[in-house]
N, C-alpha and C. Protein backbone atom coordinates (compact mmCIF):
# COMPACT_ATOMS: atom_id res chain seq x y z
N UNK A 1 71.43 -78.17 224.05
CA UNK A 1 72.08 -78.04 225.41
C UNK A 1 72.11 -76.35 226.50
N UNK A 2 71.95 -75.00 225.05
CA UNK A 2 71.64 -73.90 226.32
C UNK A 2 69.91 -73.79 226.13
N UNK A 3 69.25 -74.46 225.48
CA UNK A 3 68.02 -74.55 225.41
C UNK A 3 67.50 -75.63 227.26
N UNK A 4 67.75 -76.55 227.61
CA UNK A 4 67.58 -77.85 228.65
C UNK A 4 68.52 -76.65 229.59
N UNK A 5 69.74 -75.92 229.58
CA UNK A 5 69.82 -74.89 230.84
C UNK A 5 69.42 -73.72 231.09
N UNK A 6 68.58 -73.41 229.94
CA UNK A 6 67.72 -72.10 230.52
C UNK A 6 66.17 -72.48 230.95
N UNK A 7 65.45 -73.99 230.66
CA UNK A 7 64.79 -74.44 231.10
C UNK A 7 64.91 -74.55 232.73
N UNK A 8 65.72 -75.38 232.77
CA UNK A 8 66.20 -75.66 234.30
C UNK A 8 66.18 -74.48 235.14
N UNK A 9 67.16 -73.60 234.53
CA UNK A 9 67.03 -72.10 235.24
C UNK A 9 65.91 -71.81 235.58
N UNK A 10 64.69 -71.63 234.61
CA UNK A 10 63.34 -70.88 234.75
C UNK A 10 62.62 -71.73 235.62
N UNK A 11 62.65 -73.35 235.79
CA UNK A 11 62.32 -73.84 236.48
C UNK A 11 62.76 -74.26 238.54
N UNK A 12 63.88 -73.95 238.08
CA UNK A 12 64.43 -73.48 239.64
C UNK A 12 64.12 -72.14 240.03
N UNK A 13 63.63 -71.21 239.03
CA UNK A 13 63.43 -69.76 239.43
C UNK A 13 61.78 -69.69 239.75
N UNK A 14 60.62 -70.76 238.86
CA UNK A 14 59.66 -70.64 239.74
C UNK A 14 59.28 -71.28 241.13
N UNK A 15 60.10 -72.33 241.68
CA UNK A 15 60.51 -73.00 242.47
C UNK A 15 60.52 -72.14 243.47
N UNK A 16 61.46 -71.00 243.12
CA UNK A 16 61.84 -70.04 244.45
C UNK A 16 60.78 -69.33 244.89
N UNK A 17 60.52 -68.57 243.41
CA UNK A 17 59.58 -67.59 243.66
C UNK A 17 58.19 -68.34 244.43
N UNK A 18 57.40 -69.09 244.02
CA UNK A 18 56.37 -70.06 244.85
C UNK A 18 56.43 -69.94 245.92
N UNK A 19 57.83 -70.23 246.21
CA UNK A 19 57.89 -70.34 247.80
C UNK A 19 57.60 -69.39 248.83
N UNK A 20 57.46 -67.68 247.68
CA UNK A 20 57.26 -66.61 248.95
C UNK A 20 55.96 -66.24 248.61
N UNK A 21 54.85 -67.30 248.11
CA UNK A 21 53.76 -67.38 247.87
C UNK A 21 52.67 -66.74 249.44
N UNK A 22 52.40 -65.86 249.64
CA UNK A 22 51.54 -65.56 251.12
C UNK A 22 49.88 -65.72 250.25
N UNK A 23 49.28 -66.54 251.00
CA UNK A 23 48.10 -66.66 250.50
C UNK A 23 47.28 -65.95 251.10
N UNK A 24 47.07 -65.41 252.36
CA UNK A 24 46.42 -64.61 253.21
C UNK A 24 45.77 -63.10 252.67
N UNK A 25 46.59 -62.75 251.75
CA UNK A 25 46.49 -61.48 250.79
C UNK A 25 44.88 -61.52 249.99
N UNK A 26 44.58 -60.33 249.99
CA UNK A 26 43.64 -60.20 248.80
C UNK A 26 43.73 -60.29 247.37
N UNK A 27 43.10 -60.18 246.23
CA UNK A 27 43.68 -60.47 244.98
C UNK A 27 44.03 -61.84 244.46
N UNK A 28 44.82 -61.74 243.27
CA UNK A 28 45.48 -63.08 242.87
C UNK A 28 45.26 -64.49 243.80
N UNK A 29 44.85 -64.87 243.38
CA UNK A 29 44.93 -66.39 243.62
C UNK A 29 45.81 -68.26 243.14
N UNK A 30 46.60 -69.05 243.84
CA UNK A 30 46.87 -70.16 242.26
C UNK A 30 46.13 -70.67 241.97
N UNK A 31 45.54 -70.92 241.13
CA UNK A 31 44.55 -71.97 240.05
C UNK A 31 45.08 -73.11 239.28
N UNK A 32 44.53 -73.86 239.17
CA UNK A 32 44.73 -74.92 238.28
C UNK A 32 43.48 -75.38 237.47
N UNK A 33 44.04 -75.44 236.10
CA UNK A 33 42.83 -75.47 235.11
C UNK A 33 42.88 -76.20 234.00
N UNK A 34 42.07 -76.41 233.29
CA UNK A 34 42.06 -77.49 232.24
C UNK A 34 41.86 -76.19 231.11
N UNK A 35 42.54 -76.06 229.86
CA UNK A 35 42.37 -75.54 228.67
C UNK A 35 41.67 -75.96 227.59
N UNK A 36 40.82 -74.45 226.86
CA UNK A 36 40.37 -74.76 225.50
C UNK A 36 41.01 -73.92 224.60
N UNK A 37 41.46 -73.56 223.56
CA UNK A 37 41.65 -72.36 223.08
C UNK A 37 42.65 -72.66 221.41
N UNK A 38 43.17 -71.77 221.37
CA UNK A 38 44.40 -71.37 219.96
C UNK A 38 45.26 -72.60 219.98
N UNK A 39 45.92 -72.55 221.29
CA UNK A 39 47.44 -73.49 221.24
C UNK A 39 46.82 -74.71 221.50
N UNK A 40 45.58 -75.50 221.74
CA UNK A 40 45.16 -76.14 221.50
C UNK A 40 44.50 -77.22 222.96
N UNK A 41 44.72 -78.17 223.25
CA UNK A 41 43.94 -78.61 224.72
C UNK A 41 44.91 -79.21 225.53
N UNK A 42 44.71 -78.56 227.25
CA UNK A 42 45.71 -78.46 227.96
C UNK A 42 45.76 -78.68 229.53
N UNK A 43 46.53 -78.90 230.41
CA UNK A 43 46.31 -78.47 231.75
C UNK A 43 47.14 -76.97 232.39
N UNK A 44 46.94 -76.49 232.88
CA UNK A 44 47.60 -75.17 233.52
C UNK A 44 47.67 -75.45 234.98
N UNK A 45 48.62 -74.69 235.29
CA UNK A 45 48.71 -74.45 236.74
C UNK A 45 49.67 -73.27 236.81
N UNK A 46 48.73 -72.57 238.00
CA UNK A 46 48.70 -70.77 237.69
C UNK A 46 49.11 -70.83 239.10
N UNK A 47 50.46 -70.74 239.41
CA UNK A 47 51.01 -70.10 241.25
C UNK A 47 50.80 -68.66 241.19
N UNK A 48 50.22 -68.59 242.38
CA UNK A 48 50.72 -66.76 242.49
C UNK A 48 51.65 -66.66 243.16
N UNK A 49 52.19 -65.38 242.65
CA UNK A 49 54.48 -66.07 243.15
C UNK A 49 53.72 -64.68 243.96
N UNK A 50 53.37 -63.36 243.72
CA UNK A 50 53.16 -62.48 244.46
C UNK A 50 51.69 -61.56 244.60
N UNK A 51 51.70 -60.49 244.97
CA UNK A 51 50.37 -59.52 244.74
C UNK A 51 49.78 -59.23 243.44
N UNK A 52 50.92 -59.26 242.58
CA UNK A 52 50.53 -59.03 241.19
C UNK A 52 50.97 -59.62 240.30
N UNK A 53 51.40 -60.84 240.72
CA UNK A 53 52.24 -61.81 239.54
C UNK A 53 51.65 -63.47 240.11
N UNK A 54 51.02 -64.03 238.88
CA UNK A 54 51.67 -65.30 238.61
C UNK A 54 52.10 -66.07 237.54
N UNK A 55 52.40 -67.32 237.19
CA UNK A 55 53.01 -67.76 235.88
C UNK A 55 52.22 -68.89 235.86
N UNK A 56 51.92 -68.83 234.65
CA UNK A 56 51.36 -70.16 234.46
C UNK A 56 52.14 -71.22 233.74
N UNK A 57 51.82 -72.23 234.31
CA UNK A 57 52.98 -73.94 233.74
C UNK A 57 51.73 -74.46 233.13
N UNK A 58 52.07 -74.19 231.49
CA UNK A 58 51.41 -75.36 231.12
C UNK A 58 51.95 -76.62 230.13
N UNK A 59 50.96 -77.71 229.93
CA UNK A 59 51.00 -78.97 229.36
C UNK A 59 50.27 -79.15 228.77
N UNK A 60 49.84 -79.71 227.37
CA UNK A 60 49.32 -79.96 226.06
C UNK A 60 49.29 -80.31 225.28
N UNK A 61 48.18 -81.01 223.80
CA UNK A 61 48.52 -81.15 223.05
C UNK A 61 47.52 -79.85 222.12
N UNK A 62 48.40 -79.52 220.78
CA UNK A 62 47.58 -78.55 219.71
C UNK A 62 48.46 -79.17 218.73
N UNK A 63 48.38 -78.24 217.95
CA UNK A 63 48.95 -77.90 216.20
C UNK A 63 50.36 -77.63 216.92
N UNK A 64 50.99 -78.20 215.29
CA UNK A 64 52.67 -77.81 215.24
C UNK A 64 52.99 -76.71 214.77
N UNK A 65 54.17 -76.28 214.53
CA UNK A 65 54.61 -74.94 213.58
C UNK A 65 55.76 -75.61 212.44
N UNK A 66 54.98 -74.81 211.51
CA UNK A 66 56.12 -75.30 210.29
C UNK A 66 56.88 -73.73 210.22
N UNK A 67 58.12 -73.50 210.59
CA UNK A 67 58.73 -72.65 210.17
C UNK A 67 59.92 -72.07 209.40
N UNK A 68 59.64 -71.08 208.59
CA UNK A 68 60.58 -70.76 208.07
C UNK A 68 61.00 -69.28 208.12
N UNK A 69 62.39 -69.01 207.23
CA UNK A 69 63.66 -68.27 207.78
C UNK A 69 62.58 -66.65 207.51
N UNK A 70 61.26 -66.76 207.06
CA UNK A 70 60.19 -65.39 207.22
C UNK A 70 58.93 -65.81 207.07
N UNK A 71 58.39 -67.26 207.65
CA UNK A 71 57.26 -67.13 207.20
C UNK A 71 56.89 -68.25 209.24
N UNK A 72 55.71 -68.20 209.54
CA UNK A 72 55.15 -68.73 210.53
C UNK A 72 53.69 -69.94 210.48
N UNK A 73 53.36 -70.95 209.94
CA UNK A 73 51.95 -71.39 210.12
C UNK A 73 52.20 -72.45 210.98
N UNK A 74 51.00 -72.57 211.37
CA UNK A 74 50.36 -73.26 212.55
C UNK A 74 49.49 -74.37 211.86
N UNK A 75 49.63 -76.08 211.98
CA UNK A 75 49.57 -77.20 211.23
C UNK A 75 48.20 -77.50 212.04
N UNK A 76 47.06 -77.19 212.21
CA UNK A 76 46.30 -77.63 212.98
C UNK A 76 45.99 -79.13 212.98
N UNK A 77 45.98 -79.81 212.13
CA UNK A 77 45.93 -81.36 211.85
C UNK A 77 47.14 -82.20 211.93
N UNK A 78 48.03 -81.17 212.16
CA UNK A 78 49.55 -82.42 213.12
C UNK A 78 49.84 -82.24 214.31
N UNK A 79 49.34 -83.09 214.83
CA UNK A 79 49.51 -83.34 216.47
C UNK A 79 51.13 -82.86 217.04
N UNK A 80 50.88 -82.04 218.21
CA UNK A 80 52.06 -81.63 218.62
C UNK A 80 51.69 -81.72 220.23
N UNK A 81 52.99 -81.89 220.93
CA UNK A 81 52.93 -81.16 222.43
C UNK A 81 53.69 -80.29 222.56
N UNK A 82 52.72 -79.54 223.73
CA UNK A 82 53.54 -78.08 224.11
C UNK A 82 53.79 -78.14 225.39
N UNK A 83 54.50 -77.51 226.02
CA UNK A 83 55.17 -76.97 227.06
C UNK A 83 55.44 -75.65 227.12
N UNK A 84 54.16 -74.65 227.68
CA UNK A 84 54.51 -73.41 228.33
C UNK A 84 55.03 -72.79 229.12
N UNK A 85 55.77 -71.57 229.72
CA UNK A 85 55.57 -70.75 231.33
C UNK A 85 55.55 -69.49 230.76
N UNK A 86 54.36 -68.63 231.59
CA UNK A 86 53.80 -67.62 231.44
C UNK A 86 53.74 -66.86 232.09
N UNK A 87 55.08 -66.11 232.64
CA UNK A 87 54.64 -65.07 233.79
C UNK A 87 54.04 -64.24 233.55
N UNK A 88 52.63 -63.55 234.18
CA UNK A 88 52.16 -62.21 234.03
C UNK A 88 52.09 -61.36 235.08
N UNK A 89 52.49 -60.46 234.75
CA UNK A 89 52.39 -59.16 235.60
C UNK A 89 50.84 -58.61 235.83
N UNK A 90 49.80 -58.37 236.66
CA UNK A 90 48.99 -57.50 236.62
C UNK A 90 49.04 -56.53 237.26
N UNK A 91 48.65 -55.43 236.14
CA UNK A 91 48.84 -53.66 236.70
C UNK A 91 47.84 -53.27 237.26
N UNK A 92 47.19 -53.70 236.88
CA UNK A 92 45.85 -52.84 237.64
C UNK A 92 45.24 -53.59 238.51
N UNK A 93 45.73 -54.74 239.34
CA UNK A 93 44.74 -55.17 240.28
C UNK A 93 44.74 -54.61 241.38
N UNK A 94 45.79 -53.49 241.92
CA UNK A 94 45.14 -52.91 243.21
C UNK A 94 43.85 -51.64 243.02
N UNK A 95 44.23 -51.38 241.48
CA UNK A 95 43.01 -50.38 241.34
C UNK A 95 41.72 -51.38 241.42
N UNK A 96 41.69 -52.43 240.62
CA UNK A 96 40.25 -53.61 240.68
C UNK A 96 39.53 -53.12 242.26
N UNK A 97 40.65 -53.90 242.66
CA UNK A 97 40.45 -53.57 244.13
C UNK A 97 39.68 -52.62 245.17
N UNK A 98 40.47 -51.67 244.78
CA UNK A 98 40.18 -50.19 245.27
C UNK A 98 38.68 -49.50 244.92
N UNK A 99 38.66 -50.16 243.61
CA UNK A 99 37.59 -49.68 242.74
C UNK A 99 36.05 -50.40 242.99
N UNK A 100 36.86 -51.67 243.67
CA UNK A 100 35.35 -52.74 244.23
C UNK A 100 34.79 -53.70 242.62
N UNK A 101 35.95 -53.80 242.11
CA UNK A 101 35.71 -54.96 240.69
C UNK A 101 36.80 -56.05 241.18
N UNK A 102 35.78 -57.05 240.73
CA UNK A 102 36.39 -58.24 240.93
C UNK A 102 37.53 -58.55 240.39
N UNK A 103 38.30 -59.59 241.44
CA UNK A 103 39.46 -59.91 240.93
C UNK A 103 39.25 -61.67 241.24
N UNK A 104 38.06 -61.98 240.92
CA UNK A 104 37.79 -63.44 241.01
C UNK A 104 38.36 -64.57 239.53
N UNK A 105 38.84 -65.35 240.09
CA UNK A 105 39.50 -66.36 239.25
C UNK A 105 40.67 -65.66 238.07
N UNK A 106 41.23 -64.55 239.42
CA UNK A 106 42.45 -63.53 238.55
C UNK A 106 42.13 -62.64 237.53
N UNK A 107 41.44 -61.98 237.69
CA UNK A 107 40.45 -60.84 237.03
C UNK A 107 41.77 -59.90 236.59
N UNK A 108 41.59 -59.46 236.00
CA UNK A 108 42.45 -58.46 235.36
C UNK A 108 43.09 -57.97 233.98
N UNK A 109 43.80 -56.85 234.23
CA UNK A 109 44.63 -56.45 232.80
C UNK A 109 45.99 -56.92 233.20
N UNK A 110 47.04 -57.42 232.11
CA UNK A 110 48.42 -57.95 232.63
C UNK A 110 49.41 -57.67 231.28
N UNK A 111 50.68 -57.54 231.93
CA UNK A 111 51.88 -57.70 230.44
C UNK A 111 52.31 -59.29 230.82
N UNK A 112 52.49 -60.07 230.25
CA UNK A 112 53.18 -61.37 229.99
C UNK A 112 54.27 -61.80 229.12
N UNK A 113 55.05 -62.94 229.35
CA UNK A 113 56.12 -62.82 228.48
C UNK A 113 56.21 -64.23 228.51
N UNK A 114 55.53 -65.00 226.70
CA UNK A 114 55.41 -66.61 227.03
C UNK A 114 56.50 -67.12 226.40
N UNK A 115 57.00 -68.28 227.08
CA UNK A 115 58.17 -69.27 226.78
C UNK A 115 57.30 -70.49 226.19
N UNK A 116 58.05 -71.02 225.00
CA UNK A 116 56.82 -71.76 224.78
C UNK A 116 57.85 -73.15 224.09
N UNK A 117 57.66 -74.69 224.58
CA UNK A 117 58.62 -75.50 223.63
C UNK A 117 57.17 -76.90 222.80
N UNK A 118 57.53 -76.40 221.69
CA UNK A 118 56.69 -77.24 220.78
C UNK A 118 57.11 -78.99 220.18
N UNK A 119 56.77 -79.71 220.41
CA UNK A 119 57.87 -81.26 219.55
C UNK A 119 56.52 -82.02 219.06
N UNK A 120 56.24 -82.29 217.67
CA UNK A 120 55.59 -83.52 217.37
C UNK A 120 55.62 -84.27 217.73
N UNK A 121 53.81 -85.34 217.76
CA UNK A 121 54.03 -86.55 218.62
C UNK A 121 54.05 -87.27 217.89
N UNK A 122 54.49 -87.39 216.42
CA UNK A 122 55.43 -88.51 215.69
C UNK A 122 56.52 -88.16 215.33
N UNK A 123 57.53 -89.10 214.91
CA UNK A 123 58.73 -89.38 214.91
C UNK A 123 58.91 -88.01 213.64
N UNK A 124 60.42 -87.32 213.14
CA UNK A 124 60.16 -86.43 212.53
C UNK A 124 59.39 -86.77 211.26
N UNK A 125 58.62 -84.72 210.99
CA UNK A 125 57.53 -84.48 210.02
C UNK A 125 58.64 -83.42 209.52
N UNK A 126 57.87 -83.82 208.08
CA UNK A 126 59.02 -82.38 207.02
C UNK A 126 58.04 -81.05 207.62
N UNK A 127 56.75 -80.68 207.91
CA UNK A 127 56.52 -80.15 208.10
C UNK A 127 56.51 -78.97 209.54
N UNK A 128 56.67 -80.36 210.27
CA UNK A 128 56.53 -79.68 212.25
C UNK A 128 57.63 -80.11 212.67
N UNK A 129 58.70 -79.33 213.10
CA UNK A 129 59.51 -80.10 213.74
C UNK A 129 59.91 -79.01 215.36
N UNK A 130 60.89 -79.54 215.69
CA UNK A 130 60.62 -79.11 216.98
C UNK A 130 60.98 -77.36 216.82
N UNK A 131 59.91 -76.92 218.25
CA UNK A 131 60.00 -75.48 217.88
C UNK A 131 59.93 -74.63 219.23
N UNK A 132 60.65 -73.73 219.35
CA UNK A 132 60.86 -73.10 220.74
C UNK A 132 60.22 -71.59 220.08
N UNK A 133 59.27 -70.50 221.14
CA UNK A 133 58.43 -69.65 220.74
C UNK A 133 58.52 -68.55 221.94
N UNK A 134 59.09 -67.72 221.78
CA UNK A 134 59.08 -67.04 223.12
C UNK A 134 58.23 -65.37 222.33
N UNK A 135 57.63 -64.72 223.23
CA UNK A 135 56.67 -63.39 223.06
C UNK A 135 56.01 -62.63 224.11
N UNK A 136 56.66 -61.27 223.91
CA UNK A 136 55.55 -60.14 225.07
C UNK A 136 54.47 -59.54 224.81
N UNK A 137 53.41 -59.77 225.63
CA UNK A 137 51.92 -59.37 224.99
C UNK A 137 51.34 -58.77 226.07
N UNK A 138 50.17 -58.29 225.97
CA UNK A 138 49.45 -57.21 226.80
C UNK A 138 48.31 -58.08 226.49
N UNK A 139 47.57 -58.51 227.75
CA UNK A 139 46.53 -59.61 228.06
C UNK A 139 45.49 -59.00 228.99
N UNK A 140 44.39 -59.96 228.80
CA UNK A 140 43.25 -59.46 229.70
C UNK A 140 42.69 -60.95 230.42
N UNK A 141 42.42 -61.34 231.45
CA UNK A 141 41.61 -62.26 231.89
C UNK A 141 40.49 -62.01 232.62
N UNK A 142 39.33 -62.51 232.29
CA UNK A 142 37.96 -62.58 232.94
C UNK A 142 37.28 -63.39 233.58
N UNK A 143 36.83 -63.45 234.47
CA UNK A 143 35.49 -64.69 234.87
C UNK A 143 34.58 -64.84 233.67
N UNK A 144 34.19 -65.94 233.52
CA UNK A 144 32.78 -66.27 232.78
C UNK A 144 31.65 -66.44 233.77
N UNK A 145 32.17 -67.54 234.42
CA UNK A 145 31.20 -68.48 235.37
C UNK A 145 32.24 -68.11 236.59
N UNK A 146 31.49 -69.09 237.56
CA UNK A 146 32.34 -69.31 238.82
C UNK A 146 33.49 -70.11 238.71
N UNK A 147 33.65 -71.11 238.05
CA UNK A 147 34.82 -72.12 237.91
C UNK A 147 35.22 -71.83 235.89
N UNK A 148 34.62 -71.11 235.49
CA UNK A 148 35.37 -70.69 233.50
C UNK A 148 35.78 -69.25 233.81
N UNK A 149 37.44 -69.15 232.86
CA UNK A 149 37.41 -67.64 232.32
C UNK A 149 37.71 -67.59 231.02
N UNK A 150 37.60 -66.51 230.86
CA UNK A 150 38.11 -66.44 229.04
C UNK A 150 39.49 -65.43 229.23
N UNK A 151 40.63 -65.78 228.65
CA UNK A 151 41.94 -64.99 228.56
C UNK A 151 42.25 -64.52 227.23
N UNK A 152 42.78 -63.71 226.89
CA UNK A 152 43.06 -63.18 225.35
C UNK A 152 44.14 -62.26 225.76
N UNK A 153 45.40 -62.50 224.82
CA UNK A 153 46.76 -61.52 224.55
C UNK A 153 47.01 -61.41 223.06
N UNK A 154 47.74 -60.13 222.83
CA UNK A 154 48.31 -59.97 221.58
C UNK A 154 49.32 -59.21 221.93
N UNK A 155 50.61 -59.48 221.27
CA UNK A 155 51.85 -58.93 220.93
C UNK A 155 52.53 -59.06 220.27
N UNK A 156 53.73 -59.04 220.08
CA UNK A 156 55.00 -59.91 219.22
C UNK A 156 55.73 -60.91 219.85
N UNK A 157 56.30 -61.74 218.69
CA UNK A 157 57.17 -62.51 219.18
C UNK A 157 58.07 -63.11 217.94
N UNK A 158 58.67 -64.55 218.53
CA UNK A 158 60.08 -64.36 217.58
C UNK A 158 60.05 -65.80 218.16
N UNK A 159 59.77 -66.82 216.82
CA UNK A 159 59.65 -68.20 216.46
C UNK A 159 61.01 -68.58 216.11
N UNK A 160 61.68 -69.80 216.93
CA UNK A 160 62.84 -70.82 216.48
C UNK A 160 62.58 -72.10 216.22
N UNK A 161 63.47 -72.18 215.06
CA UNK A 161 63.12 -73.79 214.79
C UNK A 161 64.33 -74.58 215.14
N UNK A 162 64.39 -75.73 216.29
CA UNK A 162 65.23 -75.93 216.85
C UNK A 162 65.94 -76.73 216.23
N UNK A 163 65.78 -77.37 215.15
CA UNK A 163 66.08 -78.84 214.29
C UNK A 163 67.54 -78.18 213.22
N UNK A 164 66.52 -77.17 212.68
CA UNK A 164 67.27 -76.13 211.69
C UNK A 164 68.48 -74.99 211.97
N UNK A 165 67.36 -74.50 213.32
CA UNK A 165 68.53 -73.41 213.79
C UNK A 165 68.03 -72.23 213.16
N UNK A 166 66.78 -72.07 212.23
CA UNK A 166 66.34 -69.85 211.93
C UNK A 166 64.85 -69.87 212.52
N UNK A 167 64.92 -68.81 212.30
CA UNK A 167 63.45 -68.22 212.93
C UNK A 167 63.06 -67.45 212.50
N UNK A 168 61.99 -66.52 213.00
CA UNK A 168 61.47 -65.49 212.48
C UNK A 168 60.20 -64.69 213.64
N UNK A 169 60.60 -63.63 213.06
CA UNK A 169 58.82 -62.64 214.16
C UNK A 169 57.78 -63.16 214.05
N UNK A 170 56.69 -62.98 214.58
CA UNK A 170 55.58 -63.24 214.66
C UNK A 170 54.51 -62.52 215.91
N UNK A 171 53.14 -62.27 214.65
CA UNK A 171 52.47 -61.72 215.43
C UNK A 171 51.74 -62.65 216.91
N UNK A 172 52.21 -61.93 217.94
CA UNK A 172 51.42 -63.19 219.36
C UNK A 172 50.13 -63.11 219.39
N UNK A 173 49.05 -63.35 218.84
CA UNK A 173 47.80 -63.42 219.70
C UNK A 173 47.56 -65.04 220.50
N UNK A 174 46.52 -64.75 220.50
CA UNK A 174 46.22 -66.00 221.38
C UNK A 174 44.72 -65.89 222.57
N UNK A 175 43.61 -66.68 222.65
CA UNK A 175 42.61 -66.84 223.29
C UNK A 175 42.17 -68.14 223.97
N UNK A 176 41.88 -68.11 224.97
CA UNK A 176 41.22 -69.32 225.66
C UNK A 176 40.51 -69.18 226.22
N UNK A 177 39.63 -70.28 226.42
CA UNK A 177 38.62 -70.39 227.86
C UNK A 177 39.09 -71.32 228.67
N UNK A 178 39.03 -71.59 229.96
CA UNK A 178 39.47 -72.46 230.92
C UNK A 178 38.35 -73.02 232.20
N UNK A 179 38.68 -74.08 232.53
CA UNK A 179 37.90 -74.53 233.21
C UNK A 179 38.59 -74.72 234.77
N UNK A 180 38.34 -73.92 235.91
CA UNK A 180 39.12 -73.97 236.98
C UNK A 180 38.95 -75.08 238.07
N UNK A 181 39.52 -76.02 238.22
CA UNK A 181 39.40 -77.45 238.99
C UNK A 181 39.61 -77.39 240.67
N UNK A 182 40.48 -76.11 240.53
CA UNK A 182 40.67 -75.78 242.05
C UNK A 182 40.86 -74.20 242.17
């Protein structure tokens, strides 16, 4: 119940912030992407919320998590559905623009927070269950080509097994390649 309430508030917050978007300023822009990376395969909508803030809304398929009281295992062969929200604050976007560096495809360094819900595709599984992960991280996003980006981050997080009510701290490491649709 608490998770549903928090998720509802987060979605409302996203809608309010998105309404503040101004598209005539230089720097970040709204992107729609297809992703392939450690999370799995998915689709991401990345609305620009301000001059230095975007939020990734992702949905896709990947592996599931086996969360113990002091361990976290990513199960590649156990399919799961994921939904994640990742606000990203680009702290160097103004410097990049002033230095004449590219901000294409939201290129820059950022601090982010990822909130991720993961659920197995099949009915209850002994190894993977419903899980909620939250992390804080430092990352970078760079264009690889006109329609491709590379995104990576490193940080620390907390994983919570929703079904059994326990969790663990984990190192948050991720990378992905994305194809920009729009």
